[in-house]
N, C-alpha and C. Protein backbone atom coordinates (compact mmCIF):
# COMPACT_ATOMS: atom_id res chain seq x y z
N UNK A 1 -25.25 55.49 -10.56
CA UNK A 1 -24.01 55.99 -10.49
C UNK A 1 -23.24 55.89 -9.10
N UNK A 2 -22.06 55.44 -8.32
CA UNK A 2 -22.16 55.35 -6.78
C UNK A 2 -20.72 56.51 -7.24
N UNK A 3 -21.55 57.72 -6.12
CA UNK A 3 -20.69 58.24 -5.55
C UNK A 3 -19.26 57.90 -4.90
N UNK A 4 -18.60 58.53 -5.09
CA UNK A 4 -16.84 58.79 -4.56
C UNK A 4 -17.07 59.14 -3.48
N UNK A 5 -16.43 58.24 -2.53
CA UNK A 5 -16.19 58.13 -0.69
C UNK A 5 -14.92 59.64 -1.43
N UNK A 6 -15.22 60.77 -0.45
CA UNK A 6 -13.78 61.84 0.05
C UNK A 6 -12.67 61.15 0.61
N UNK A 7 -11.77 61.40 -0.04
CA UNK A 7 -10.32 60.75 0.15
C UNK A 7 -10.31 61.28 1.53
N UNK A 8 -9.24 60.95 2.17
CA UNK A 8 -8.74 61.37 3.64
C UNK A 8 -6.94 61.41 3.62
N UNK A 9 -6.68 62.57 4.23
CA UNK A 9 -5.45 62.90 4.60
C UNK A 9 -4.64 61.12 4.48
N UNK A 10 -3.29 61.36 3.83
CA UNK A 10 -2.71 60.24 4.21
C UNK A 10 -2.04 59.95 5.96
N UNK A 11 -2.06 61.29 6.47
CA UNK A 11 -1.40 60.85 7.31
C UNK A 11 -2.92 60.24 8.92
N UNK A 12 -3.66 60.04 7.93
CA UNK A 12 -5.03 59.46 9.03
C UNK A 12 -5.44 58.19 8.55
N UNK A 13 -4.72 58.07 7.57
CA UNK A 13 -4.94 56.58 7.25
C UNK A 13 -3.77 55.55 7.74
N UNK A 14 -4.14 54.10 7.99
CA UNK A 14 -2.90 53.84 8.32
C UNK A 14 -2.79 52.97 6.95
N UNK A 15 -1.47 52.60 7.01
CA UNK A 15 -0.79 51.42 5.51
C UNK A 15 -1.40 50.27 5.41
N UNK A 16 -1.05 49.44 6.29
CA UNK A 16 -2.32 47.99 6.59
C UNK A 16 -3.99 48.20 5.97
N UNK A 17 -4.49 48.88 6.70
CA UNK A 17 -5.81 49.50 6.25
C UNK A 17 -5.79 49.15 4.53
N UNK A 18 -4.96 50.91 4.39
CA UNK A 18 -5.11 51.36 2.54
C UNK A 18 -4.46 50.07 1.88
N UNK A 19 -3.88 49.19 2.10
CA UNK A 19 -2.90 48.03 1.51
C UNK A 19 -4.58 46.70 1.41
N UNK A 20 -4.93 46.83 2.13
CA UNK A 20 -6.61 45.88 1.80
C UNK A 20 -5.66 44.43 1.98
N UNK A 21 -4.71 44.26 2.57
CA UNK A 21 -3.97 42.82 2.94
C UNK A 21 -2.76 42.37 1.39
N UNK A 22 -2.52 43.14 1.03
CA UNK A 22 -1.55 43.47 -0.15
C UNK A 22 -0.23 44.01 0.84
N UNK A 23 0.78 43.09 0.15
CA UNK A 23 2.20 43.39 0.46
C UNK A 23 3.27 43.73 -0.03
N UNK A 24 2.41 44.71 -0.94
CA UNK A 24 3.28 45.55 -1.75
C UNK A 24 2.23 46.38 -2.80
N UNK A 25 3.17 47.88 -3.01
CA UNK A 25 2.86 48.27 -3.78
C UNK A 25 3.16 49.73 -4.91
N UNK A 26 3.20 49.81 -5.59
CA UNK A 26 3.67 51.18 -6.53
C UNK A 26 3.42 52.45 -6.03
N UNK A 27 4.37 52.92 -5.99
CA UNK A 27 4.56 54.57 -5.42
C UNK A 27 5.35 55.13 -6.80
N UNK A 28 4.60 56.54 -7.25
CA UNK A 28 5.38 56.83 -8.52
C UNK A 28 5.23 58.64 -7.85
N UNK A 29 6.77 58.85 -7.83
CA UNK A 29 7.61 60.39 -7.43
C UNK A 29 7.79 60.81 -8.57
N UNK A 30 7.77 62.22 -8.86
CA UNK A 30 7.87 63.31 -9.50
C UNK A 30 7.39 62.96 -10.78
N UNK A 31 5.79 63.18 -11.13
CA UNK A 31 5.12 63.01 -12.21
C UNK A 31 5.86 63.84 -13.12
N UNK A 32 5.96 63.06 -14.61
CA UNK A 32 6.86 63.72 -15.16
C UNK A 32 8.15 63.27 -15.59
N UNK A 33 8.47 62.59 -14.77
CA UNK A 33 10.31 62.08 -14.26
C UNK A 33 9.82 61.00 -14.23
N UNK A 34 8.66 60.45 -13.70
CA UNK A 34 7.96 58.77 -13.47
C UNK A 34 8.92 57.99 -12.64
N UNK A 35 9.36 58.27 -11.85
CA UNK A 35 10.21 57.58 -11.06
C UNK A 35 9.15 56.57 -10.00
N UNK A 36 9.31 55.41 -10.49
CA UNK A 36 8.40 54.33 -10.04
C UNK A 36 8.94 53.54 -8.99
N UNK A 37 8.62 53.54 -7.60
CA UNK A 37 9.07 52.54 -6.87
C UNK A 37 8.09 51.50 -6.46
N UNK A 38 8.55 49.99 -6.32
CA UNK A 38 7.83 49.14 -5.61
C UNK A 38 8.49 48.93 -4.25
N UNK A 39 7.54 49.07 -2.99
CA UNK A 39 7.40 49.00 -1.66
C UNK A 39 6.93 47.97 -1.14
N UNK A 40 7.35 47.37 -1.03
CA UNK A 40 7.22 45.94 -0.01
C UNK A 40 7.49 46.06 1.62
N UNK A 41 5.92 45.39 2.11
CA UNK A 41 5.76 45.71 3.37
C UNK A 41 6.15 44.27 3.93
N UNK A 42 7.63 44.14 4.02
CA UNK A 42 7.75 42.93 5.16
C UNK A 42 7.20 42.64 6.65
N UNK A 43 6.64 43.84 7.37
CA UNK A 43 6.40 43.42 8.75
C UNK A 43 5.63 44.30 9.10
N UNK A 44 4.01 44.05 9.88
CA UNK A 44 3.46 45.18 10.23
C UNK A 44 3.24 44.70 12.08
N UNK A 45 3.64 46.04 12.43
CA UNK A 45 3.60 45.99 14.05
C UNK A 45 2.55 46.56 14.53
N UNK A 46 1.66 45.83 15.50
CA UNK A 46 0.38 46.54 15.91
C UNK A 46 0.70 46.84 17.44
N UNK A 47 1.71 48.07 17.75
CA UNK A 47 1.71 48.25 18.85
C UNK A 47 2.00 49.48 18.39
N UNK A 48 2.27 50.72 19.23
CA UNK A 48 2.04 52.02 19.09
C UNK A 48 3.32 52.38 19.42
N UNK A 49 4.76 52.60 18.62
CA UNK A 49 6.08 52.74 19.11
C UNK A 49 6.05 54.47 19.22
N UNK A 50 5.20 55.34 19.18
CA UNK A 50 5.32 56.39 20.15
C UNK A 50 5.72 57.52 18.65
N UNK A 51 5.79 56.73 17.81
CA UNK A 51 6.37 57.42 16.10
C UNK A 51 5.82 58.33 15.36
N UNK A 52 5.54 59.82 15.26
CA UNK A 52 4.91 60.44 14.50
C UNK A 52 4.53 60.72 13.27
N UNK A 53 5.85 59.94 12.79
CA UNK A 53 6.15 59.67 11.34
C UNK A 53 6.70 58.45 10.52
N UNK A 54 6.51 58.50 9.34
CA UNK A 54 7.03 57.16 9.11
C UNK A 54 8.55 56.96 9.26
N UNK A 55 9.54 55.80 9.32
CA UNK A 55 10.31 55.50 9.54
C UNK A 55 10.92 55.00 8.63
N UNK A 56 12.84 54.91 8.23
CA UNK A 56 13.40 53.97 7.35
C UNK A 56 14.52 53.29 8.05
N UNK A 57 14.01 51.81 8.04
CA UNK A 57 14.64 50.88 8.97
C UNK A 57 15.92 50.38 7.82
N UNK A 58 15.76 50.17 6.64
CA UNK A 58 16.80 50.22 5.43
C UNK A 58 16.57 50.37 4.19
N UNK A 59 17.68 50.42 3.07
CA UNK A 59 17.17 50.29 1.80
C UNK A 59 18.64 50.37 0.93
N UNK A 60 18.58 50.54 -0.02
CA UNK A 60 19.50 50.41 -1.16
C UNK A 60 19.52 51.63 -1.71
N UNK A 61 21.01 51.98 -2.01
CA UNK A 61 21.60 53.30 -3.09
C UNK A 61 21.19 53.96 -2.76
N UNK A 62 21.65 55.65 -3.13
CA UNK A 62 21.43 57.00 -2.77
C UNK A 62 20.08 57.11 -3.31
N UNK A 63 19.40 58.14 -2.94
CA UNK A 63 18.53 58.92 -3.97
C UNK A 63 19.19 59.75 -4.15
N UNK A 64 18.57 59.69 -6.01
CA UNK A 64 18.60 60.83 -7.10
C UNK A 64 18.27 62.00 -6.53
N UNK A 65 19.42 62.93 -7.10
CA UNK A 65 19.16 64.32 -6.89
C UNK A 65 17.49 64.64 -7.55
N UNK A 66 17.34 65.68 -6.88
CA UNK A 66 15.70 66.49 -7.42
C UNK A 66 16.15 66.46 -8.83
N UNK A 67 15.23 66.68 -9.73
CA UNK A 67 15.12 67.37 -11.29
C UNK A 67 16.06 66.64 -12.00
N UNK A 68 16.44 65.75 -11.60
CA UNK A 68 17.68 65.18 -12.34
C UNK A 68 16.83 64.58 -13.96
N UNK A 69 16.28 64.45 -13.88
CA UNK A 69 15.56 64.32 -15.28
C UNK A 69 15.43 62.57 -15.88
N UNK A 70 14.47 62.33 -14.29
CA UNK A 70 14.25 60.80 -14.29
C UNK A 70 15.57 59.89 -14.81
N UNK A 71 14.72 58.49 -15.25
CA UNK A 71 15.90 57.64 -14.96
C UNK A 71 16.72 57.89 -16.00
N UNK A 72 17.02 58.09 -17.43
CA UNK A 72 18.13 58.08 -18.08
C UNK A 72 18.85 59.70 -17.94
N UNK A 73 18.55 60.47 -17.16
CA UNK A 73 18.51 61.75 -17.03
C UNK A 73 19.64 61.49 -15.36
N UNK A 74 19.24 60.33 -14.67
CA UNK A 74 20.11 59.71 -13.56
C UNK A 74 21.29 58.95 -13.91
N UNK A 75 20.85 58.45 -14.92
CA UNK A 75 22.06 57.59 -15.39
C UNK A 75 23.13 58.44 -15.98
N UNK A 76 22.89 59.29 -16.57
CA UNK A 76 23.95 60.34 -17.41
C UNK A 76 24.55 61.35 -16.30
N UNK A 77 23.84 61.61 -15.30
CA UNK A 77 24.36 62.13 -14.03
C UNK A 77 25.69 61.78 -13.96
N UNK A 78 25.29 59.85 -13.56
CA UNK A 78 25.82 59.20 -12.53
C UNK A 78 27.73 59.11 -13.67
N UNK A 79 26.75 58.71 -14.76
CA UNK A 79 28.21 58.46 -15.37
C UNK A 79 28.98 59.67 -15.43
N UNK A 80 28.51 60.44 -15.49
CA UNK A 80 29.46 61.74 -15.66
C UNK A 80 29.86 62.07 -13.86
N UNK A 81 29.37 62.03 -13.55
CA UNK A 81 30.03 62.30 -11.78
C UNK A 81 30.96 61.61 -11.28
N UNK A 82 30.47 60.10 -12.07
CA UNK A 82 31.93 59.42 -11.74
C UNK A 82 32.95 59.17 -12.46
N UNK A 83 33.00 60.08 -13.45
CA UNK A 83 34.45 60.04 -14.48
C UNK A 83 34.47 60.86 -14.62
N UNK A 84 36.08 61.45 -13.42
CA UNK A 84 36.70 62.60 -13.86
C UNK A 84 37.42 63.26 -15.28
N UNK A 85 37.26 62.26 -16.41
CA UNK A 85 37.22 62.53 -17.52
C UNK A 85 36.54 62.70 -18.93
N UNK A 86 35.15 62.95 -17.96
CA UNK A 86 34.16 62.81 -18.73
C UNK A 86 33.76 64.50 -18.80
N UNK A 87 33.41 64.62 -20.34
CA UNK A 87 33.17 65.99 -20.46
C UNK A 87 32.24 66.82 -19.88
N UNK A 88 31.58 66.79 -18.96
CA UNK A 88 30.28 67.19 -18.14
C UNK A 88 30.93 67.22 -16.44
N UNK A 89 31.71 66.56 -16.62
CA UNK A 89 32.13 66.47 -15.31
C UNK A 89 32.40 67.26 -13.43
N UNK A 90 32.86 68.57 -14.62
CA UNK A 90 32.99 69.36 -13.72
C UNK A 90 31.86 70.41 -13.69
N UNK A 91 30.77 70.05 -14.62
CA UNK A 91 29.23 70.83 -14.45
C UNK A 91 28.70 70.25 -13.43
N UNK A 92 29.07 68.70 -13.64
CA UNK A 92 27.84 68.12 -13.25
C UNK A 92 28.24 68.35 -11.36
N UNK A 93 29.54 68.20 -11.25
CA UNK A 93 30.08 67.98 -10.13
C UNK A 93 29.53 69.79 -9.13
N UNK A 94 29.52 70.82 -10.18
CA UNK A 94 29.44 72.00 -9.36
C UNK A 94 28.01 72.08 -9.19
N UNK A 95 27.22 71.58 -10.68
CA UNK A 95 25.78 71.40 -9.97
C UNK A 95 25.34 71.18 -9.25
N UNK A 96 25.93 70.18 -8.69
CA UNK A 96 25.53 69.17 -7.41
C UNK A 96 25.79 69.53 -6.46
N UNK A 97 27.18 70.64 -6.34
CA UNK A 97 27.18 70.83 -4.77
C UNK A 97 28.67 69.66 -4.10
N UNK A 98 29.03 69.08 -5.19
CA UNK A 98 30.27 67.94 -4.92
C UNK A 98 29.88 66.97 -5.43
N UNK A 99 31.05 65.74 -4.34
CA UNK A 99 30.59 64.53 -4.98
C UNK A 99 29.27 63.50 -4.70
N UNK A 100 29.14 62.37 -5.23
CA UNK A 100 27.77 61.73 -5.19
C UNK A 100 28.80 60.42 -4.90
N UNK A 101 28.18 59.43 -4.34
CA UNK A 101 28.17 58.01 -4.51
C UNK A 101 26.91 57.34 -4.49
N UNK A 102 26.49 57.14 -5.46
CA UNK A 102 25.58 56.25 -5.78
C UNK A 102 25.07 54.88 -4.92
N UNK A 103 26.02 54.59 -4.40
CA UNK A 103 25.97 53.09 -3.65
C UNK A 103 25.64 53.45 -2.45
N UNK A 104 25.95 54.52 -1.73
CA UNK A 104 25.30 55.07 -0.11
C UNK A 104 24.15 54.71 -0.18
N UNK A 105 23.88 54.64 0.98
CA UNK A 105 22.45 54.63 1.27
C UNK A 105 22.33 54.85 3.35
N UNK A 106 21.58 56.33 3.66
CA UNK A 106 21.78 56.63 5.14
C UNK A 106 20.30 56.89 4.99
N UNK A 107 20.30 56.01 6.46
CA UNK A 107 18.91 55.13 6.90
C UNK A 107 18.38 56.32 7.56
N UNK A 108 19.70 56.69 8.29
CA UNK A 108 19.08 58.29 9.28
C UNK A 108 18.28 59.41 8.50
N UNK A 109 19.17 59.83 7.04
CA UNK A 109 18.67 60.87 6.29
C UNK A 109 17.49 60.45 5.51
N UNK A 110 17.24 59.12 5.15
CA UNK A 110 15.91 58.84 4.74
C UNK A 110 15.14 58.79 5.63
N UNK A 111 14.98 58.69 6.87
CA UNK A 111 13.68 58.59 7.92
C UNK A 111 14.01 60.22 8.31
N UNK A 112 14.89 60.95 8.46
CA UNK A 112 14.29 62.43 8.24
C UNK A 112 13.81 63.33 7.15
N UNK A 113 14.06 62.68 5.81
CA UNK A 113 13.35 63.47 5.20
C UNK A 113 11.56 62.75 4.72
N UNK A 114 11.48 61.30 5.37
CA UNK A 114 10.12 60.65 5.75
C UNK A 114 9.63 61.74 7.03
N UNK A 115 10.10 62.14 7.63
CA UNK A 115 9.14 63.14 9.27
C UNK A 115 9.40 64.48 8.32
N UNK A 116 10.20 64.58 7.68
CA UNK A 116 9.37 66.26 7.25
C UNK A 116 8.84 65.79 6.10
N UNK A 117 8.16 65.20 5.33
CA UNK A 117 7.85 64.77 4.36
C UNK A 117 6.34 64.58 5.16
N UNK A 118 6.19 64.35 5.83
CA UNK A 118 5.09 63.74 7.17
C UNK A 118 4.33 65.07 7.76
N UNK A 119 5.16 65.70 8.34
CA UNK A 119 4.76 66.72 8.83
C UNK A 119 4.15 67.74 7.84
N UNK A 120 4.22 67.77 6.13
CA UNK A 120 3.83 69.06 5.05
C UNK A 120 2.20 68.58 4.52
N UNK A 121 2.03 67.18 5.37
CA UNK A 121 0.70 66.92 5.20
C UNK A 121 -0.70 67.41 5.61
């Protein structure tokens, strides 16, 4: 029986080493809701740009709100919050704290969230 090597904290392992030559990987967020993301690595730079945390350079669509109930819950949420005639519109708008635009993506906000997450490791 081969003993498994102890895992290293994520912050101490470079992505290109962890991928071992692969160009994409799946990332699951919110176990139970099972948000599965396919992450594609398009380019790896072998220079130190002085960043202490990951940064986002591009993306598509807004991040779903926390605890929205997985993919079907998100679809229901978007349907309700975008349709003022929907029976759940007011409650959804109030519960979210304001309007929501599912097609917007904010690169700076994504990088800020990544920076905050990496400090928690």
